[in-house]
Amino acid sequence: MNSGNSWNERTGFGPTNLETMLSTDPSQFPDENPLPDKKKLGKDTEGSTGFGSSEGGSVPLPQEVADYADGIKFPLELEHEDPNYVYRGLDDSAASPGGDYISSPVHLGTSPRFHKKKK
């Protein structure tokens, strides 16, 4: 048990104190996003080549998130291999036996991005 409100390697900051959490007025805390914004950090986000690969840290760009979710991010461009990722883009070199080895499943042309109805 970590009763000193300090972090340790075994238990982190310890268990949540629900009584204190529920009796504390949340309006006393600032209404802000605790996640960093790359532009506020002074890092350039243009030209990022992979998930969190830009110099600013591990915050992916919105386009990178969309590409990953739609399955069109080429597997060899991912910084970390994801065993659940399925490449659904149009680059047939992902499926070619003579190309680079890709352990992710490949389903060419099945990305939901290609099948969305145009408004």
C-alpha atoms as a PDB file:
ATOM      1  CA  MET A   1       0.000   0.000   0.000  1.00  0.00           C
ATOM      2  CA  ASN A   2       1.281   3.458  -0.895  1.00  0.00           C
ATOM      3  CA  SER A   3       0.023   5.873   1.725  1.00  0.00           C
ATOM      4  CA  GLY A   4       2.547   8.666   1.109  1.00  0.00           C
ATOM      5  CA  ASN A   5       0.932   9.997  -2.113  1.00  0.00           C
ATOM      6  CA  SER A   6       4.211   9.427  -3.894  1.00  0.00           C
ATOM      7  CA  TRP A   7       4.947   7.165  -6.838  1.00  0.00           C
ATOM      8  CA  ASN A   8       6.791   3.892  -6.422  1.00  0.00           C
ATOM      9  CA  GLU A   9       7.730   1.137  -8.858  1.00  0.00           C
ATOM     10  CA  ARG A  10       5.492  -1.527  -7.294  1.00  0.00           C
ATOM     11  CA  THR A  11       2.158   0.247  -6.890  1.00  0.00           C
ATOM     12  CA  GLY A  12       2.472   3.519  -8.804  1.00  0.00           C
ATOM     13  CA  PHE A  13       0.518   6.139  -6.839  1.00  0.00           C
ATOM     14  CA  GLY A  14      -1.430   3.429  -5.029  1.00  0.00           C
ATOM     15  CA  PRO A  15      -5.143   2.659  -4.977  1.00  0.00           C
ATOM     16  CA  THR A  16      -7.777   5.273  -5.743  1.00  0.00           C
ATOM     17  CA  ASN A  17      -9.309   6.914  -2.677  1.00  0.00           C
ATOM     18  CA  LEU A  18     -12.944   6.938  -3.793  1.00  0.00           C
ATOM     19  CA  GLU A  19     -14.208   8.724  -0.685  1.00  0.00           C
ATOM     20  CA  THR A  20     -11.881  11.681  -1.303  1.00  0.00           C
ATOM     21  CA  MET A  21     -12.556  11.663  -5.034  1.00  0.00           C
ATOM     22  CA  LEU A  22     -16.334  11.789  -4.582  1.00  0.00           C
ATOM     23  CA  SER A  23     -16.231  14.434  -1.850  1.00  0.00           C
ATOM     24  CA  THR A  24     -13.958  16.823  -3.810  1.00  0.00           C
ATOM     25  CA  ASP A  25     -15.563  19.642  -5.813  1.00  0.00           C
ATOM     26  CA  PRO A  26     -14.236  19.294  -9.396  1.00  0.00           C
ATOM     27  CA  SER A  27     -15.010  22.945 -10.223  1.00  0.00           C
ATOM     28  CA  GLN A  28     -11.934  23.983  -8.225  1.00  0.00           C
ATOM     29  CA  PHE A  29      -9.655  22.457 -10.876  1.00  0.00           C
ATOM     30  CA  PRO A  30      -8.780  24.160 -14.188  1.00  0.00           C
ATOM     31  CA  ASP A  31     -10.830  23.097 -17.214  1.00  0.00           C
ATOM     32  CA  GLU A  32      -7.999  22.110 -19.546  1.00  0.00           C
ATOM     33  CA  ASN A  33      -6.830  19.208 -21.633  1.00  0.00           C
ATOM     34  CA  PRO A  34      -3.947  17.459 -19.840  1.00  0.00           C
ATOM     35  CA  LEU A  35      -2.645  16.002 -23.121  1.00  0.00           C
ATOM     36  CA  PRO A  36       0.101  18.051 -24.795  1.00  0.00           C
ATOM     37  CA  ASP A  37      -0.481  19.904 -28.050  1.00  0.00           C
ATOM     38  CA  LYS A  38       2.538  19.674 -30.369  1.00  0.00           C
ATOM     39  CA  LYS A  39       2.093  23.224 -31.628  1.00  0.00           C
ATOM     40  CA  LYS A  40       2.180  24.524 -28.040  1.00  0.00           C
ATOM     41  CA  LEU A  41       5.319  22.458 -27.445  1.00  0.00           C
ATOM     42  CA  GLY A  42       6.994  24.370 -30.252  1.00  0.00           C
ATOM     43  CA  LYS A  43       7.556  21.292 -32.392  1.00  0.00           C
ATOM     44  CA  ASP A  44       6.757  21.194 -36.080  1.00  0.00           C
ATOM     45  CA  THR A  45       4.208  18.505 -36.914  1.00  0.00           C
ATOM     46  CA  GLU A  46       4.387  18.799 -40.700  1.00  0.00           C
ATOM     47  CA  GLY A  47       5.922  15.867 -42.495  1.00  0.00           C
ATOM     48  CA  SER A  48       5.552  13.331 -39.724  1.00  0.00           C
ATOM     49  CA  THR A  49       6.420   9.947 -41.201  1.00  0.00           C
ATOM     50  CA  GLY A  50       4.818   7.574 -38.734  1.00  0.00           C
ATOM     51  CA  PHE A  51       2.731   7.202 -35.651  1.00  0.00           C
ATOM     52  CA  GLY A  52       4.426   9.487 -33.158  1.00  0.00           C
ATOM     53  CA  SER A  53       7.616   9.589 -35.174  1.00  0.00           C
ATOM     54  CA  SER A  54       7.897  13.356 -35.338  1.00  0.00           C
ATOM     55  CA  GLU A  55      10.372  15.052 -33.045  1.00  0.00           C
ATOM     56  CA  GLY A  56       7.610  16.383 -30.797  1.00  0.00           C
ATOM     57  CA  GLY A  57       6.942  13.043 -29.110  1.00  0.00           C
ATOM     58  CA  SER A  58       4.321  10.363 -29.334  1.00  0.00           C
ATOM     59  CA  VAL A  59       1.247  12.423 -30.208  1.00  0.00           C
ATOM     60  CA  PRO A  60       0.019  11.293 -33.644  1.00  0.00           C
ATOM     61  CA  LEU A  61      -1.410  13.751 -36.132  1.00  0.00           C
ATOM     62  CA  PRO A  62      -5.171  13.513 -36.826  1.00  0.00           C
ATOM     63  CA  GLN A  63      -4.452  12.334 -40.389  1.00  0.00           C
ATOM     64  CA  GLU A  64      -2.174   9.575 -39.051  1.00  0.00           C
ATOM     65  CA  VAL A  65      -4.924   8.383 -36.731  1.00  0.00           C
ATOM     66  CA  ALA A  66      -7.449   8.376 -39.593  1.00  0.00           C
ATOM     67  CA  ASP A  67      -5.048   6.500 -41.908  1.00  0.00           C
ATOM     68  CA  TYR A  68      -4.368   3.905 -39.222  1.00  0.00           C
ATOM     69  CA  ALA A  69      -8.068   3.468 -38.370  1.00  0.00           C
ATOM     70  CA  ASP A  70      -8.970   3.060 -42.048  1.00  0.00           C
ATOM     71  CA  GLY A  71      -6.149   0.553 -42.569  1.00  0.00           C
ATOM     72  CA  ILE A  72      -4.288   2.538 -45.221  1.00  0.00           C
ATOM     73  CA  LYS A  73      -1.110   3.173 -43.240  1.00  0.00           C
ATOM     74  CA  PHE A  74       1.486   0.897 -44.892  1.00  0.00           C
ATOM     75  CA  PRO A  75       2.561  -1.666 -42.247  1.00  0.00           C
ATOM     76  CA  LEU A  76       6.293  -1.060 -42.741  1.00  0.00           C
ATOM     77  CA  GLU A  77       5.758   2.625 -41.900  1.00  0.00           C
ATOM     78  CA  LEU A  78       4.320   1.838 -38.457  1.00  0.00           C
ATOM     79  CA  GLU A  79       6.741   2.552 -35.643  1.00  0.00           C
ATOM     80  CA  HIS A  80       5.539  -0.446 -33.601  1.00  0.00           C
ATOM     81  CA  GLU A  81       4.160  -3.670 -35.033  1.00  0.00           C
ATOM     82  CA  ASP A  82       0.508  -4.165 -34.148  1.00  0.00           C
ATOM     83  CA  PRO A  83      -0.602  -7.815 -34.330  1.00  0.00           C
ATOM     84  CA  ASN A  84      -4.231  -6.713 -34.831  1.00  0.00           C
ATOM     85  CA  TYR A  85      -3.540  -4.275 -37.679  1.00  0.00           C
ATOM     86  CA  VAL A  86      -4.900  -5.183 -41.124  1.00  0.00           C
ATOM     87  CA  TYR A  87      -3.593  -3.290 -44.155  1.00  0.00           C
ATOM     88  CA  ARG A  88      -6.611  -2.361 -46.310  1.00  0.00           C
ATOM     89  CA  GLY A  89      -5.002   0.063 -48.762  1.00  0.00           C
ATOM     90  CA  LEU A  90      -4.357  -0.175 -52.486  1.00  0.00           C
ATOM     91  CA  ASP A  91      -0.581  -0.756 -52.602  1.00  0.00           C
ATOM     92  CA  ASP A  92      -0.297  -4.282 -54.004  1.00  0.00           C
ATOM     93  CA  SER A  93       3.381  -4.499 -53.023  1.00  0.00           C
ATOM     94  CA  ALA A  94       2.088  -5.235 -49.519  1.00  0.00           C
ATOM     95  CA  ALA A  95       0.768  -8.542 -50.853  1.00  0.00           C
ATOM     96  CA  SER A  96       3.575  -9.385 -53.265  1.00  0.00           C
ATOM     97  CA  PRO A  97       5.752 -12.350 -52.264  1.00  0.00           C
ATOM     98  CA  GLY A  98       8.869 -10.653 -53.634  1.00  0.00           C
ATOM     99  CA  GLY A  99       8.383  -7.483 -51.597  1.00  0.00           C
ATOM    100  CA  ASP A 100       9.341  -6.676 -48.042  1.00  0.00           C
ATOM    101  CA  TYR A 101       8.113  -9.116 -45.438  1.00  0.00           C
ATOM    102  CA  ILE A 102       4.904  -7.883 -43.850  1.00  0.00           C
ATOM    103  CA  SER A 103       3.473  -9.882 -40.966  1.00  0.00           C
ATOM    104  CA  SER A 104       0.155  -8.004 -40.942  1.00  0.00           C
ATOM    105  CA  PRO A 105      -2.784  -9.459 -42.869  1.00  0.00           C
ATOM    106  CA  VAL A 106      -3.411  -7.714 -46.204  1.00  0.00           C
ATOM    107  CA  HIS A 107      -6.903  -7.129 -47.626  1.00  0.00           C
ATOM    108  CA  LEU A 108      -6.355  -4.876 -50.646  1.00  0.00           C
ATOM    109  CA  GLY A 109      -8.978  -2.221 -51.335  1.00  0.00           C
ATOM    110  CA  THR A 110     -11.207  -3.000 -48.347  1.00  0.00           C
ATOM    111  CA  SER A 111     -10.616   0.196 -46.378  1.00  0.00           C
ATOM    112  CA  PRO A 112     -13.831   1.836 -45.155  1.00  0.00           C
ATOM    113  CA  ARG A 113     -12.442   5.061 -46.607  1.00  0.00           C
ATOM    114  CA  PHE A 114     -12.921   3.693 -50.117  1.00  0.00           C
ATOM    115  CA  HIS A 115     -16.500   2.652 -49.451  1.00  0.00           C
ATOM    116  CA  LYS A 116     -17.907   5.763 -47.785  1.00  0.00           C
ATOM    117  CA  LYS A 117     -20.807   7.338 -49.578  1.00  0.00           C
ATOM    118  CA  LYS A 118     -20.026  10.751 -51.019  1.00  0.00           C
ATOM    119  CA  LYS A 119     -22.231  13.551 -49.730  1.00  0.00           C
END
